[in-house]
């Protein structure tokens, strides 16, 4: 193998190593971002469940008040 070919091979190997390092860093960054996104999603799901419970409670109370108003309305007739 000539010296020129060896130098060309070394340059290519160095570029590949640099690319592997860059890809590993990108992978690590994306894994962190994914974990952060999953945590935010879990928090949003918890909030959504809380809002659904609150909505159900409010609906129940409104139906109760409407029932009482309806009873009063029928009592006056």
Protein backbone atom coordinates (compact mmCIF):
# COMPACT_ATOMS: atom_id res chain seq x y z
CA UNK A 1 0.00 0.00 0.00
CA UNK A 2 1.44 3.35 -0.95
CA UNK A 3 1.81 6.21 1.48
CA UNK A 4 -0.78 8.28 -0.38
CA UNK A 5 -3.36 5.52 -0.11
CA UNK A 6 -2.57 5.07 3.56
CA UNK A 7 -3.02 8.80 4.18
CA UNK A 8 -6.31 8.75 2.28
CA UNK A 9 -7.46 5.79 4.38
CA UNK A 10 -6.45 7.60 7.60
CA UNK A 11 -8.41 10.69 6.56
CA UNK A 12 -11.47 8.61 5.79
CA UNK A 13 -11.23 6.72 9.09
CA UNK A 14 -10.85 10.02 10.98
CA UNK A 15 -13.94 11.41 9.22
CA UNK A 16 -15.87 8.25 10.12
CA UNK A 17 -14.79 8.49 13.75
CA UNK A 18 -15.84 12.14 13.86
CA UNK A 19 -19.18 11.18 12.38
CA UNK A 20 -19.67 8.40 14.94
CA UNK A 21 -18.90 10.83 17.78
CA UNK A 22 -21.33 13.38 16.36
CA UNK A 23 -24.06 10.77 15.93
CA UNK A 24 -23.59 9.55 19.50
CA UNK A 25 -23.89 13.11 20.79
CA UNK A 26 -27.02 13.64 18.68
CA UNK A 27 -28.46 10.39 20.00
CA UNK A 28 -27.79 11.41 23.58
CA UNK A 29 -29.39 14.81 23.02
CA UNK A 30 -32.44 13.23 21.38
CA UNK A 31 -32.82 10.72 24.22
CA UNK A 32 -32.79 13.58 26.74
CA UNK A 33 -35.30 15.50 24.67
CA UNK A 34 -37.53 12.43 24.41
CA UNK A 35 -37.42 11.90 28.18
CA UNK A 36 -38.30 15.54 28.77
CA UNK A 37 -41.18 15.30 26.31
CA UNK A 38 -42.48 12.14 27.99
CA UNK A 39 -42.40 13.88 31.37
CA UNK A 40 -44.31 16.86 29.98
CA UNK A 41 -46.84 14.53 28.38
CA UNK A 42 -47.37 12.70 31.68
CA UNK A 43 -47.96 16.04 33.45
CA UNK A 44 -50.45 17.11 30.78
CA UNK A 45 -52.29 13.80 31.08
CA UNK A 46 -52.53 14.28 34.85
CA UNK A 47 -53.87 17.79 34.36
CA UNK A 48 -56.36 16.54 31.80
CA UNK A 49 -57.62 13.88 34.21
CA UNK A 50 -58.00 16.56 36.89
CA UNK A 51 -59.95 18.77 34.52
CA UNK A 52 -62.19 15.86 33.57
CA UNK A 53 -62.95 15.16 37.24
CA UNK A 54 -63.63 18.85 37.83
CA UNK A 55 -65.89 18.96 34.76
CA UNK A 56 -67.84 15.95 36.04
CA UNK A 57 -68.23 17.55 39.46
CA UNK A 58 -69.41 20.85 37.99
CA UNK A 59 -71.84 19.08 35.66
CA UNK A 60 -73.28 17.14 38.60
CA UNK A 61 -73.72 20.29 40.67
CA UNK A 62 -75.35 22.16 37.78
CA UNK A 63 -77.76 19.27 37.17
CA UNK A 64 -78.63 19.28 40.88
CA UNK A 65 -79.32 23.03 40.86
CA UNK A 66 -81.37 22.72 37.68
CA UNK A 67 -83.36 19.92 39.28
CA UNK A 68 -84.06 22.08 42.31
CA UNK A 69 -85.12 24.98 40.08
CA UNK A 70 -87.38 22.68 38.13
CA UNK A 71 -88.92 21.45 41.39
CA UNK A 72 -89.53 25.05 42.46
CA UNK A 73 -91.02 25.85 39.08
CA UNK A 74 -93.44 22.90 39.36
CA UNK A 75 -94.31 23.87 42.93
CA UNK A 76 -95.42 27.30 41.80
CA UNK A 77 -97.78 25.89 39.17
